[in-house]
N, C-alpha and C. Protein backbone atom coordinates (compact mmCIF):
# COMPACT_ATOMS: atom_id res chain seq x y z
N MET A 1 -30.92 -0.84 6.63
CA MET A 1 -29.57 -0.63 7.18
C MET A 1 -29.62 0.42 8.28
N ASP A 2 -29.44 0.04 9.52
CA ASP A 2 -29.45 1.03 10.59
C ASP A 2 -28.01 1.45 10.91
N ILE A 3 -27.59 2.53 10.26
CA ILE A 3 -26.19 2.96 10.35
C ILE A 3 -25.80 3.29 11.80
N GLY A 4 -26.69 4.02 12.48
CA GLY A 4 -26.41 4.40 13.87
C GLY A 4 -26.21 3.17 14.75
N LYS A 5 -27.09 2.20 14.58
CA LYS A 5 -27.02 0.98 15.37
C LYS A 5 -25.73 0.20 15.07
N ASN A 6 -25.41 0.12 13.79
CA ASN A 6 -24.20 -0.60 13.38
C ASN A 6 -22.94 0.00 14.00
N ILE A 7 -22.87 1.33 13.94
CA ILE A 7 -21.65 1.98 14.42
C ILE A 7 -21.51 1.82 15.93
N LEU A 8 -22.63 1.94 16.63
CA LEU A 8 -22.58 1.80 18.09
C LEU A 8 -22.23 0.38 18.50
N SER A 9 -22.75 -0.59 17.74
CA SER A 9 -22.47 -1.98 18.11
C SER A 9 -20.98 -2.31 17.90
N ILE A 10 -20.37 -1.75 16.86
CA ILE A 10 -18.92 -1.97 16.65
C ILE A 10 -18.12 -1.28 17.77
N LYS A 11 -18.50 -0.03 18.07
CA LYS A 11 -17.72 0.74 19.05
C LYS A 11 -17.83 0.17 20.47
N THR A 12 -18.98 -0.39 20.78
CA THR A 12 -19.18 -0.97 22.11
C THR A 12 -18.18 -2.08 22.37
N ASN A 13 -17.84 -2.81 21.31
CA ASN A 13 -16.96 -3.97 21.47
C ASN A 13 -15.49 -3.68 21.19
N LEU A 14 -15.14 -2.43 20.99
CA LEU A 14 -13.74 -2.11 20.72
C LEU A 14 -12.95 -2.01 22.02
N PRO A 15 -11.72 -2.52 22.04
CA PRO A 15 -10.88 -2.33 23.23
C PRO A 15 -10.64 -0.84 23.45
N GLU A 16 -10.38 -0.48 24.68
CA GLU A 16 -10.16 0.93 25.01
C GLU A 16 -8.99 1.48 24.23
N GLY A 17 -9.15 2.70 23.73
CA GLY A 17 -8.04 3.35 23.02
C GLY A 17 -7.96 3.03 21.54
N VAL A 18 -8.80 2.11 21.05
CA VAL A 18 -8.78 1.80 19.62
C VAL A 18 -9.75 2.73 18.89
N LYS A 19 -9.27 3.32 17.79
CA LYS A 19 -10.11 4.25 17.04
C LYS A 19 -10.80 3.52 15.89
N LEU A 20 -12.01 3.94 15.62
CA LEU A 20 -12.76 3.42 14.48
C LEU A 20 -12.82 4.51 13.41
N VAL A 21 -12.31 4.19 12.22
CA VAL A 21 -12.47 5.08 11.08
C VAL A 21 -13.65 4.53 10.27
N ALA A 22 -14.73 5.31 10.23
CA ALA A 22 -15.90 4.89 9.45
C ALA A 22 -15.62 5.25 7.99
N VAL A 23 -15.47 4.22 7.16
CA VAL A 23 -15.09 4.44 5.77
C VAL A 23 -16.32 4.82 4.97
N SER A 24 -16.41 6.11 4.68
CA SER A 24 -17.63 6.65 4.07
C SER A 24 -17.49 6.86 2.57
N LYS A 25 -16.41 6.33 1.97
CA LYS A 25 -16.22 6.52 0.52
C LYS A 25 -17.40 5.96 -0.25
N THR A 26 -17.78 6.65 -1.28
CA THR A 26 -18.94 6.35 -2.15
C THR A 26 -20.29 6.56 -1.47
N LYS A 27 -20.28 6.95 -0.20
CA LYS A 27 -21.56 7.08 0.52
C LYS A 27 -22.06 8.53 0.52
N PRO A 28 -23.38 8.72 0.49
CA PRO A 28 -23.93 10.08 0.48
C PRO A 28 -23.83 10.75 1.85
N LYS A 29 -24.01 12.05 1.82
CA LYS A 29 -23.93 12.84 3.07
C LYS A 29 -24.90 12.35 4.14
N ALA A 30 -26.10 11.93 3.70
CA ALA A 30 -27.13 11.50 4.67
C ALA A 30 -26.61 10.33 5.51
N ASP A 31 -25.87 9.42 4.87
CA ASP A 31 -25.33 8.27 5.60
C ASP A 31 -24.29 8.71 6.63
N ILE A 32 -23.46 9.65 6.21
CA ILE A 32 -22.41 10.15 7.13
C ILE A 32 -23.08 10.85 8.32
N LEU A 33 -24.11 11.61 8.03
CA LEU A 33 -24.81 12.32 9.12
C LEU A 33 -25.50 11.35 10.07
N ALA A 34 -25.98 10.23 9.55
CA ALA A 34 -26.60 9.22 10.42
C ALA A 34 -25.58 8.67 11.41
N ALA A 35 -24.35 8.48 10.95
CA ALA A 35 -23.27 8.01 11.85
C ALA A 35 -22.85 9.14 12.79
N TYR A 36 -22.79 10.34 12.24
CA TYR A 36 -22.39 11.54 13.01
C TYR A 36 -23.32 11.76 14.20
N LYS A 37 -24.61 11.51 13.98
CA LYS A 37 -25.61 11.74 15.04
C LYS A 37 -25.39 10.85 16.25
N THR A 38 -24.66 9.74 16.08
CA THR A 38 -24.38 8.86 17.23
C THR A 38 -23.22 9.40 18.06
N GLY A 39 -22.60 10.50 17.57
CA GLY A 39 -21.44 11.05 18.27
C GLY A 39 -20.13 10.66 17.60
N HIS A 40 -20.22 9.89 16.51
CA HIS A 40 -18.99 9.48 15.83
C HIS A 40 -18.42 10.63 14.99
N ARG A 41 -17.08 10.76 15.01
CA ARG A 41 -16.48 11.91 14.31
C ARG A 41 -15.37 11.56 13.32
N ILE A 42 -14.89 10.31 13.29
CA ILE A 42 -13.76 9.99 12.40
C ILE A 42 -14.27 9.27 11.16
N PHE A 43 -14.04 9.88 9.99
CA PHE A 43 -14.49 9.31 8.73
C PHE A 43 -13.34 9.23 7.74
N GLY A 44 -13.37 8.19 6.89
CA GLY A 44 -12.29 7.97 5.94
C GLY A 44 -12.77 8.00 4.50
N GLU A 45 -12.03 8.70 3.66
CA GLU A 45 -12.34 8.80 2.23
C GLU A 45 -11.08 8.46 1.44
N ASN A 46 -11.26 8.02 0.19
CA ASN A 46 -10.08 7.67 -0.60
C ASN A 46 -10.00 8.39 -1.94
N LYS A 47 -10.90 9.36 -2.15
CA LYS A 47 -10.82 10.16 -3.37
C LYS A 47 -10.82 11.64 -2.98
N VAL A 48 -9.81 12.35 -3.45
CA VAL A 48 -9.63 13.74 -3.04
C VAL A 48 -10.85 14.59 -3.39
N GLN A 49 -11.38 14.39 -4.58
CA GLN A 49 -12.53 15.20 -5.02
C GLN A 49 -13.74 15.00 -4.11
N ASP A 50 -14.04 13.74 -3.79
CA ASP A 50 -15.18 13.46 -2.90
C ASP A 50 -14.93 14.03 -1.51
N LEU A 51 -13.70 13.89 -1.07
CA LEU A 51 -13.35 14.33 0.29
C LEU A 51 -13.50 15.83 0.43
N THR A 52 -12.99 16.58 -0.53
CA THR A 52 -13.06 18.04 -0.40
C THR A 52 -14.52 18.51 -0.44
N LYS A 53 -15.32 17.87 -1.26
CA LYS A 53 -16.75 18.22 -1.34
C LYS A 53 -17.45 17.95 0.00
N LYS A 54 -17.18 16.78 0.57
CA LYS A 54 -17.81 16.43 1.85
C LYS A 54 -17.31 17.34 2.97
N TYR A 55 -16.03 17.67 2.92
CA TYR A 55 -15.48 18.59 3.93
C TYR A 55 -16.22 19.92 3.90
N GLU A 56 -16.46 20.43 2.70
CA GLU A 56 -17.16 21.72 2.55
C GLU A 56 -18.58 21.65 3.10
N GLU A 57 -19.25 20.50 2.87
CA GLU A 57 -20.69 20.44 3.10
C GLU A 57 -21.11 19.86 4.45
N LEU A 58 -20.16 19.24 5.16
CA LEU A 58 -20.52 18.55 6.41
C LEU A 58 -19.94 19.28 7.63
N PRO A 59 -20.39 18.92 8.84
CA PRO A 59 -19.94 19.64 10.04
C PRO A 59 -18.42 19.69 10.15
N LYS A 60 -17.95 20.82 10.66
CA LYS A 60 -16.50 21.07 10.68
C LYS A 60 -15.76 20.33 11.81
N ASP A 61 -16.49 19.69 12.72
CA ASP A 61 -15.75 18.97 13.77
C ASP A 61 -15.48 17.51 13.37
N ILE A 62 -15.78 17.18 12.11
CA ILE A 62 -15.43 15.84 11.62
C ILE A 62 -13.92 15.76 11.43
N GLU A 63 -13.35 14.63 11.86
CA GLU A 63 -11.92 14.38 11.67
C GLU A 63 -11.78 13.51 10.43
N TRP A 64 -11.30 14.10 9.36
CA TRP A 64 -11.22 13.37 8.08
C TRP A 64 -9.89 12.65 7.95
N HIS A 65 -9.96 11.38 7.55
CA HIS A 65 -8.75 10.61 7.27
C HIS A 65 -8.73 10.29 5.78
N PHE A 66 -7.57 10.46 5.16
CA PHE A 66 -7.44 10.03 3.77
C PHE A 66 -6.87 8.63 3.78
N ILE A 67 -7.67 7.65 3.35
CA ILE A 67 -7.26 6.26 3.52
C ILE A 67 -6.79 5.63 2.21
N GLY A 68 -6.85 6.38 1.14
CA GLY A 68 -6.38 5.83 -0.13
C GLY A 68 -4.89 6.08 -0.29
N HIS A 69 -4.49 6.09 -1.55
CA HIS A 69 -3.10 6.31 -1.88
C HIS A 69 -3.07 7.66 -2.57
N PRO A 70 -2.74 8.75 -1.85
CA PRO A 70 -2.90 10.09 -2.45
C PRO A 70 -1.85 10.35 -3.53
N GLN A 71 -2.28 10.96 -4.61
CA GLN A 71 -1.31 11.39 -5.62
C GLN A 71 -0.67 12.67 -5.12
N SER A 72 0.64 12.79 -5.36
CA SER A 72 1.38 13.96 -4.87
C SER A 72 0.71 15.28 -5.27
N ASN A 73 0.25 15.33 -6.53
CA ASN A 73 -0.29 16.60 -7.03
C ASN A 73 -1.68 16.93 -6.47
N LYS A 74 -2.27 15.99 -5.71
CA LYS A 74 -3.61 16.26 -5.15
C LYS A 74 -3.55 16.65 -3.66
N VAL A 75 -2.36 16.52 -3.07
CA VAL A 75 -2.24 16.76 -1.62
C VAL A 75 -2.68 18.18 -1.26
N LYS A 76 -2.39 19.13 -2.17
CA LYS A 76 -2.68 20.53 -1.86
C LYS A 76 -4.17 20.79 -1.58
N TYR A 77 -5.04 19.95 -2.14
CA TYR A 77 -6.48 20.17 -1.96
C TYR A 77 -6.99 19.75 -0.58
N ILE A 78 -6.21 18.92 0.12
CA ILE A 78 -6.69 18.44 1.43
C ILE A 78 -5.79 18.89 2.58
N ALA A 79 -4.67 19.53 2.23
CA ALA A 79 -3.64 19.84 3.24
C ALA A 79 -4.14 20.75 4.37
N HIS A 80 -5.13 21.60 4.07
CA HIS A 80 -5.56 22.57 5.09
C HIS A 80 -6.49 21.96 6.14
N PHE A 81 -6.99 20.75 5.89
CA PHE A 81 -7.94 20.21 6.88
C PHE A 81 -7.73 18.75 7.26
N ILE A 82 -6.95 18.01 6.50
CA ILE A 82 -6.87 16.56 6.73
C ILE A 82 -6.28 16.25 8.12
N SER A 83 -6.85 15.26 8.81
CA SER A 83 -6.34 14.90 10.14
C SER A 83 -5.23 13.87 10.06
N LEU A 84 -5.38 12.93 9.10
CA LEU A 84 -4.39 11.86 9.00
C LEU A 84 -4.41 11.30 7.58
N ILE A 85 -3.21 11.11 7.01
CA ILE A 85 -3.08 10.48 5.70
C ILE A 85 -2.53 9.08 5.93
N HIS A 86 -3.31 8.05 5.56
CA HIS A 86 -2.95 6.67 5.89
C HIS A 86 -1.95 6.03 4.94
N GLY A 87 -1.94 6.41 3.68
CA GLY A 87 -1.22 5.58 2.70
C GLY A 87 0.08 6.13 2.17
N VAL A 88 1.01 6.53 3.04
CA VAL A 88 2.24 7.16 2.57
C VAL A 88 3.33 6.10 2.36
N ASP A 89 3.82 6.01 1.13
CA ASP A 89 4.82 4.96 0.86
C ASP A 89 5.99 5.43 0.01
N SER A 90 6.27 6.74 0.03
CA SER A 90 7.44 7.22 -0.72
C SER A 90 7.93 8.56 -0.14
N LEU A 91 9.21 8.81 -0.36
CA LEU A 91 9.80 10.08 0.07
C LEU A 91 9.20 11.23 -0.74
N LYS A 92 8.94 10.95 -2.00
CA LYS A 92 8.35 11.97 -2.88
C LYS A 92 7.02 12.48 -2.30
N LEU A 93 6.20 11.54 -1.84
CA LEU A 93 4.91 11.92 -1.27
C LEU A 93 5.08 12.68 0.04
N LEU A 94 6.01 12.23 0.87
CA LEU A 94 6.27 12.94 2.13
C LEU A 94 6.74 14.37 1.85
N LYS A 95 7.59 14.54 0.82
CA LYS A 95 8.07 15.88 0.46
C LYS A 95 6.90 16.80 0.14
N MET A 96 5.96 16.26 -0.64
CA MET A 96 4.81 17.07 -1.05
C MET A 96 3.93 17.39 0.15
N ILE A 97 3.72 16.43 1.03
CA ILE A 97 2.89 16.66 2.22
C ILE A 97 3.56 17.71 3.11
N ASN A 98 4.87 17.62 3.24
CA ASN A 98 5.61 18.60 4.05
C ASN A 98 5.49 20.01 3.46
N LYS A 99 5.62 20.08 2.14
CA LYS A 99 5.53 21.37 1.43
C LYS A 99 4.15 22.01 1.64
N GLU A 100 3.11 21.19 1.48
CA GLU A 100 1.74 21.71 1.63
C GLU A 100 1.43 22.00 3.11
N GLY A 101 2.01 21.22 4.00
CA GLY A 101 1.85 21.50 5.42
C GLY A 101 2.43 22.86 5.77
N LYS A 102 3.60 23.13 5.21
CA LYS A 102 4.27 24.42 5.44
C LYS A 102 3.40 25.57 4.96
N LYS A 103 2.87 25.42 3.75
CA LYS A 103 2.01 26.48 3.17
C LYS A 103 0.82 26.77 4.06
N ASN A 104 0.31 25.72 4.70
CA ASN A 104 -0.89 25.87 5.54
C ASN A 104 -0.55 26.05 7.01
N ASP A 105 0.73 26.18 7.28
CA ASP A 105 1.22 26.40 8.64
C ASP A 105 0.69 25.34 9.62
N ARG A 106 0.80 24.08 9.22
CA ARG A 106 0.38 23.01 10.12
C ARG A 106 1.22 21.76 9.89
N LYS A 107 1.25 20.94 10.93
CA LYS A 107 1.93 19.65 10.82
C LYS A 107 0.91 18.62 10.41
N ILE A 108 1.18 17.91 9.34
CA ILE A 108 0.21 16.92 8.86
C ILE A 108 0.63 15.53 9.32
N LYS A 109 -0.29 14.84 9.94
CA LYS A 109 0.00 13.49 10.44
C LYS A 109 -0.12 12.47 9.31
N CYS A 110 0.84 11.54 9.29
CA CYS A 110 0.87 10.52 8.25
C CYS A 110 1.15 9.16 8.86
N LEU A 111 0.70 8.12 8.17
CA LEU A 111 1.09 6.75 8.51
C LEU A 111 1.90 6.20 7.34
N LEU A 112 2.97 5.47 7.65
CA LEU A 112 3.73 4.80 6.60
C LEU A 112 3.00 3.51 6.24
N GLN A 113 2.76 3.32 4.95
CA GLN A 113 2.04 2.12 4.52
C GLN A 113 3.03 1.02 4.14
N PHE A 114 2.80 -0.17 4.70
CA PHE A 114 3.66 -1.32 4.43
C PHE A 114 2.93 -2.38 3.63
N HIS A 115 3.68 -3.04 2.78
CA HIS A 115 3.12 -4.10 1.96
C HIS A 115 3.26 -5.41 2.73
N ILE A 116 2.16 -5.85 3.34
CA ILE A 116 2.21 -7.07 4.15
C ILE A 116 1.45 -8.22 3.49
N ALA A 117 0.67 -7.90 2.45
CA ALA A 117 -0.18 -8.92 1.81
C ALA A 117 0.60 -9.68 0.75
N GLU A 118 0.06 -10.82 0.36
CA GLU A 118 0.69 -11.58 -0.72
C GLU A 118 0.18 -11.15 -2.09
N GLU A 119 -0.73 -10.17 -2.10
CA GLU A 119 -1.25 -9.69 -3.38
C GLU A 119 -0.35 -8.57 -3.89
N SER A 120 0.00 -8.65 -5.16
CA SER A 120 0.92 -7.64 -5.69
C SER A 120 0.21 -6.31 -5.97
N THR A 121 -1.11 -6.32 -5.93
CA THR A 121 -1.84 -5.09 -6.26
C THR A 121 -1.81 -4.07 -5.12
N LYS A 122 -1.45 -4.52 -3.94
CA LYS A 122 -1.46 -3.60 -2.80
C LYS A 122 -0.18 -2.74 -2.78
N PHE A 123 -0.33 -1.49 -2.36
CA PHE A 123 0.81 -0.59 -2.25
C PHE A 123 1.57 -0.85 -0.95
N GLY A 124 2.75 -0.27 -0.86
CA GLY A 124 3.39 -0.28 0.45
C GLY A 124 4.90 -0.49 0.41
N LEU A 125 5.53 -0.08 1.49
CA LEU A 125 6.98 -0.17 1.67
C LEU A 125 7.35 -1.52 2.26
N ASN A 126 8.64 -1.86 2.19
CA ASN A 126 9.17 -2.88 3.07
C ASN A 126 10.04 -2.17 4.12
N VAL A 127 10.54 -2.89 5.09
CA VAL A 127 11.25 -2.24 6.19
C VAL A 127 12.50 -1.50 5.71
N ASP A 128 13.24 -2.10 4.78
CA ASP A 128 14.47 -1.45 4.29
C ASP A 128 14.16 -0.13 3.59
N GLU A 129 13.08 -0.11 2.83
CA GLU A 129 12.69 1.13 2.14
C GLU A 129 12.27 2.20 3.16
N ALA A 130 11.60 1.76 4.20
CA ALA A 130 11.19 2.72 5.24
C ALA A 130 12.43 3.30 5.93
N ARG A 131 13.39 2.44 6.24
CA ARG A 131 14.64 2.91 6.86
C ARG A 131 15.36 3.92 5.97
N GLU A 132 15.35 3.63 4.68
CA GLU A 132 16.00 4.53 3.72
C GLU A 132 15.38 5.93 3.79
N ILE A 133 14.05 5.95 3.87
CA ILE A 133 13.35 7.24 3.98
C ILE A 133 13.71 7.93 5.30
N LEU A 134 13.61 7.18 6.40
CA LEU A 134 13.80 7.77 7.73
C LEU A 134 15.25 8.17 7.99
N ASP A 135 16.18 7.56 7.26
CA ASP A 135 17.60 7.93 7.41
C ASP A 135 18.01 9.07 6.50
N SER A 136 17.15 9.43 5.56
CA SER A 136 17.54 10.42 4.54
C SER A 136 17.63 11.83 5.14
N GLU A 137 18.52 12.61 4.55
CA GLU A 137 18.66 14.02 4.97
C GLU A 137 17.35 14.77 4.74
N ALA A 138 16.72 14.47 3.61
CA ALA A 138 15.46 15.16 3.27
C ALA A 138 14.45 14.98 4.39
N TYR A 139 14.26 13.73 4.82
CA TYR A 139 13.28 13.46 5.88
C TYR A 139 13.63 14.20 7.16
N LYS A 140 14.91 14.20 7.49
CA LYS A 140 15.32 14.84 8.75
C LYS A 140 15.05 16.34 8.76
N ASN A 141 14.93 16.92 7.57
CA ASN A 141 14.68 18.36 7.48
C ASN A 141 13.20 18.73 7.37
N PHE A 142 12.35 17.72 7.30
CA PHE A 142 10.92 18.03 7.22
C PHE A 142 10.43 18.58 8.57
N THR A 143 9.73 19.70 8.51
CA THR A 143 9.23 20.29 9.76
C THR A 143 7.70 20.24 9.85
N ASN A 144 7.05 19.87 8.76
CA ASN A 144 5.58 19.97 8.73
C ASN A 144 4.87 18.64 8.51
N ILE A 145 5.56 17.56 8.85
CA ILE A 145 4.87 16.26 8.88
C ILE A 145 5.17 15.59 10.21
N GLU A 146 4.26 14.75 10.59
CA GLU A 146 4.45 13.97 11.82
C GLU A 146 4.08 12.53 11.48
N ILE A 147 5.06 11.63 11.58
CA ILE A 147 4.75 10.22 11.31
C ILE A 147 4.10 9.65 12.57
N ALA A 148 2.83 9.25 12.41
CA ALA A 148 2.04 8.85 13.59
C ALA A 148 1.96 7.34 13.76
N GLY A 149 2.59 6.58 12.83
CA GLY A 149 2.53 5.13 12.95
C GLY A 149 2.57 4.45 11.60
N VAL A 150 1.99 3.26 11.55
CA VAL A 150 2.06 2.44 10.33
C VAL A 150 0.67 1.97 9.92
N MET A 151 0.57 1.55 8.67
CA MET A 151 -0.70 1.00 8.20
C MET A 151 -0.43 -0.09 7.18
N GLY A 152 -1.37 -1.04 7.09
CA GLY A 152 -1.21 -2.10 6.11
C GLY A 152 -2.52 -2.83 5.90
N MET A 153 -2.60 -3.52 4.76
CA MET A 153 -3.79 -4.30 4.43
C MET A 153 -3.42 -5.76 4.24
N ALA A 154 -4.17 -6.63 4.88
CA ALA A 154 -3.91 -8.06 4.75
C ALA A 154 -4.46 -8.57 3.41
N THR A 155 -3.99 -9.72 3.02
CA THR A 155 -4.50 -10.38 1.81
C THR A 155 -6.01 -10.62 1.95
N TYR A 156 -6.71 -10.46 0.85
CA TYR A 156 -8.16 -10.73 0.86
C TYR A 156 -8.35 -12.24 0.71
N THR A 157 -8.53 -12.92 1.81
CA THR A 157 -8.60 -14.38 1.79
C THR A 157 -9.42 -14.88 2.98
N ASP A 158 -9.90 -16.11 2.88
CA ASP A 158 -10.60 -16.72 4.02
C ASP A 158 -9.63 -17.39 4.99
N ASP A 159 -8.37 -17.42 4.62
CA ASP A 159 -7.37 -18.09 5.45
C ASP A 159 -6.99 -17.21 6.64
N LYS A 160 -7.63 -17.48 7.77
CA LYS A 160 -7.44 -16.61 8.94
C LYS A 160 -6.00 -16.62 9.45
N GLU A 161 -5.33 -17.76 9.31
CA GLU A 161 -3.94 -17.84 9.79
C GLU A 161 -3.02 -16.96 8.96
N GLN A 162 -3.30 -16.90 7.67
CA GLN A 162 -2.49 -16.02 6.82
C GLN A 162 -2.70 -14.56 7.19
N ILE A 163 -3.96 -14.20 7.39
CA ILE A 163 -4.29 -12.82 7.79
C ILE A 163 -3.58 -12.49 9.10
N ARG A 164 -3.66 -13.40 10.04
CA ARG A 164 -3.03 -13.19 11.35
C ARG A 164 -1.52 -12.98 11.20
N LYS A 165 -0.92 -13.81 10.36
CA LYS A 165 0.53 -13.73 10.13
C LYS A 165 0.91 -12.35 9.58
N GLU A 166 0.09 -11.85 8.65
CA GLU A 166 0.38 -10.55 8.04
C GLU A 166 0.20 -9.41 9.04
N PHE A 167 -0.82 -9.49 9.88
CA PHE A 167 -1.00 -8.46 10.91
C PHE A 167 0.14 -8.51 11.94
N LYS A 168 0.57 -9.72 12.29
CA LYS A 168 1.72 -9.87 13.20
C LYS A 168 2.94 -9.17 12.62
N MET A 169 3.11 -9.35 11.31
CA MET A 169 4.24 -8.74 10.61
C MET A 169 4.21 -7.22 10.74
N LEU A 170 3.02 -6.64 10.56
CA LEU A 170 2.90 -5.18 10.65
C LEU A 170 3.18 -4.72 12.08
N TYR A 171 2.68 -5.47 13.05
CA TYR A 171 2.93 -5.12 14.45
C TYR A 171 4.43 -5.14 14.73
N ASN A 172 5.12 -6.13 14.19
CA ASN A 172 6.57 -6.22 14.40
C ASN A 172 7.33 -5.08 13.73
N ILE A 173 6.85 -4.68 12.54
CA ILE A 173 7.46 -3.54 11.85
C ILE A 173 7.29 -2.28 12.70
N PHE A 174 6.08 -2.09 13.24
CA PHE A 174 5.82 -0.94 14.10
C PHE A 174 6.80 -0.92 15.28
N THR A 175 6.96 -2.06 15.94
CA THR A 175 7.83 -2.15 17.11
C THR A 175 9.28 -1.84 16.75
N GLN A 176 9.71 -2.39 15.62
CA GLN A 176 11.07 -2.13 15.14
C GLN A 176 11.33 -0.64 14.92
N LEU A 177 10.42 -0.01 14.18
CA LEU A 177 10.59 1.41 13.86
C LEU A 177 10.49 2.27 15.12
N LYS A 178 9.58 1.88 15.99
CA LYS A 178 9.42 2.61 17.26
C LYS A 178 10.76 2.60 18.02
N ASN A 179 11.36 1.42 18.12
CA ASN A 179 12.63 1.30 18.86
C ASN A 179 13.77 2.03 18.17
N GLU A 180 13.80 1.95 16.83
CA GLU A 180 14.95 2.49 16.09
C GLU A 180 14.85 3.99 15.84
N TYR A 181 13.64 4.49 15.59
CA TYR A 181 13.52 5.89 15.14
C TYR A 181 12.62 6.76 16.01
N PHE A 182 11.67 6.14 16.71
CA PHE A 182 10.63 6.96 17.36
C PHE A 182 10.51 6.69 18.85
N ALA A 183 11.61 6.23 19.45
CA ALA A 183 11.56 5.86 20.88
C ALA A 183 11.07 7.02 21.74
N ASP A 184 11.42 8.25 21.35
CA ASP A 184 11.03 9.42 22.16
C ASP A 184 9.77 10.10 21.65
N SER A 185 9.15 9.52 20.64
CA SER A 185 8.01 10.20 20.04
C SER A 185 6.70 9.70 20.64
N LYS A 186 5.95 10.64 21.20
CA LYS A 186 4.63 10.29 21.75
C LYS A 186 3.62 10.09 20.63
N SER A 187 3.87 10.73 19.49
CA SER A 187 2.86 10.68 18.42
C SER A 187 2.95 9.40 17.59
N PHE A 188 4.10 8.72 17.60
CA PHE A 188 4.23 7.48 16.82
C PHE A 188 3.61 6.34 17.62
N ARG A 189 2.31 6.11 17.38
CA ARG A 189 1.62 5.12 18.22
C ARG A 189 0.51 4.35 17.51
N GLU A 190 0.25 4.71 16.25
CA GLU A 190 -0.89 4.08 15.58
C GLU A 190 -0.47 2.88 14.72
N ILE A 191 -1.27 1.81 14.83
CA ILE A 191 -1.13 0.67 13.93
C ILE A 191 -2.49 0.51 13.26
N SER A 192 -2.60 1.06 12.05
CA SER A 192 -3.89 1.06 11.36
C SER A 192 -4.00 -0.22 10.54
N MET A 193 -4.74 -1.19 11.07
CA MET A 193 -4.95 -2.44 10.34
C MET A 193 -6.28 -3.05 10.75
N GLY A 194 -6.91 -3.69 9.78
CA GLY A 194 -8.21 -4.31 10.04
C GLY A 194 -9.32 -3.56 9.34
N MET A 195 -10.10 -4.31 8.54
CA MET A 195 -11.24 -3.73 7.83
C MET A 195 -12.47 -4.59 8.15
N SER A 196 -13.58 -4.33 7.47
CA SER A 196 -14.84 -5.02 7.81
C SER A 196 -14.67 -6.53 7.98
N ASP A 197 -13.94 -7.17 7.06
CA ASP A 197 -13.85 -8.64 7.08
C ASP A 197 -12.89 -9.20 8.12
N ASP A 198 -11.86 -8.42 8.46
CA ASP A 198 -10.80 -9.03 9.26
C ASP A 198 -10.41 -8.26 10.53
N TYR A 199 -11.20 -7.23 10.87
CA TYR A 199 -10.75 -6.41 12.00
C TYR A 199 -10.71 -7.15 13.35
N PRO A 200 -11.57 -8.18 13.59
CA PRO A 200 -11.43 -8.87 14.88
C PRO A 200 -10.03 -9.49 15.06
N ILE A 201 -9.47 -10.02 13.96
CA ILE A 201 -8.11 -10.59 14.04
C ILE A 201 -7.10 -9.46 14.25
N ALA A 202 -7.30 -8.35 13.54
CA ALA A 202 -6.39 -7.21 13.67
C ALA A 202 -6.34 -6.71 15.12
N LEU A 203 -7.50 -6.68 15.77
CA LEU A 203 -7.55 -6.22 17.17
C LEU A 203 -6.76 -7.17 18.06
N GLU A 204 -6.88 -8.46 17.80
CA GLU A 204 -6.13 -9.44 18.60
C GLU A 204 -4.62 -9.27 18.40
N GLU A 205 -4.24 -8.75 17.23
CA GLU A 205 -2.81 -8.61 16.93
C GLU A 205 -2.28 -7.20 17.20
N GLY A 206 -3.07 -6.39 17.90
CA GLY A 206 -2.53 -5.10 18.36
C GLY A 206 -2.91 -3.86 17.58
N SER A 207 -3.91 -3.96 16.71
CA SER A 207 -4.35 -2.78 15.97
C SER A 207 -4.82 -1.67 16.92
N THR A 208 -4.51 -0.42 16.56
CA THR A 208 -5.01 0.72 17.35
C THR A 208 -6.05 1.50 16.56
N MET A 209 -6.26 1.08 15.31
CA MET A 209 -7.17 1.84 14.44
C MET A 209 -7.71 0.91 13.37
N ILE A 210 -9.03 0.77 13.30
CA ILE A 210 -9.62 -0.09 12.27
C ILE A 210 -10.41 0.77 11.28
N ARG A 211 -10.47 0.29 10.04
CA ARG A 211 -11.14 1.04 8.98
C ARG A 211 -12.32 0.21 8.49
N VAL A 212 -13.52 0.63 8.88
CA VAL A 212 -14.69 -0.21 8.60
C VAL A 212 -15.71 0.56 7.76
N GLY A 213 -16.10 -0.04 6.63
CA GLY A 213 -17.09 0.59 5.76
C GLY A 213 -18.37 -0.20 5.66
N SER A 214 -18.31 -1.36 4.99
CA SER A 214 -19.56 -2.09 4.69
C SER A 214 -20.30 -2.57 5.94
N ASN A 215 -19.60 -2.86 7.03
CA ASN A 215 -20.28 -3.28 8.26
C ASN A 215 -21.07 -2.14 8.90
N ILE A 216 -20.77 -0.92 8.48
CA ILE A 216 -21.50 0.23 9.00
C ILE A 216 -22.55 0.70 7.98
N PHE A 217 -22.09 0.91 6.75
CA PHE A 217 -22.93 1.56 5.74
C PHE A 217 -23.57 0.61 4.75
N GLY A 218 -23.25 -0.68 4.84
CA GLY A 218 -23.74 -1.61 3.82
C GLY A 218 -22.77 -1.65 2.64
N ALA A 219 -23.10 -2.43 1.63
CA ALA A 219 -22.21 -2.59 0.48
C ALA A 219 -21.95 -1.26 -0.19
N ARG A 220 -20.80 -1.16 -0.83
CA ARG A 220 -20.41 0.11 -1.48
C ARG A 220 -21.29 0.43 -2.68
N ASN A 221 -21.49 1.74 -2.90
CA ASN A 221 -22.20 2.17 -4.11
C ASN A 221 -21.14 2.55 -5.13
N TYR A 222 -21.16 1.89 -6.29
CA TYR A 222 -20.18 2.30 -7.31
C TYR A 222 -20.89 3.00 -8.45
């Protein structure tokens, strides 16, 4: 497995302005450093314990993304360094992120996660729930979070048309929210969609950020 080669080959073919999150969950430090040596700096983890350990032990210019579904009570462990939290789908979680952001005197960037797949196991909001959050007094008073865009996962299927339809849906949600709530916001610009199996379709449908693990690091170690 040539991690450096894999990462460069993916990045060479990315449209300008699209970010690659190298999903390093379950992977050892040596693998992350192999990707790091190519100049890559954005890595994604989905377990708070693993993330904090890697943050302590790896170079400090790494931009860490939390790509899982963070539990409210664990946010405090990553609040001082996290660059972006991908899986935000409740006001309760936003409250906690805002509180921990305040304690650390920083604005924490978040993506709202939407449920676009036909699988019930996936987390996420629908548009009405998102509006409810964005219209709430609580949200309007948050000073230490920045909503940077949206994120979603397509159904795990070989049906490319279904995947495309789901990514289109997320793109439309992004456009709706941008027009209704974030028209003046420069930071609301990310559409995080597309993983190892389906990111080429996601790119065609307007993704600005893809999350790729196995195509870079090989199959996951459990």
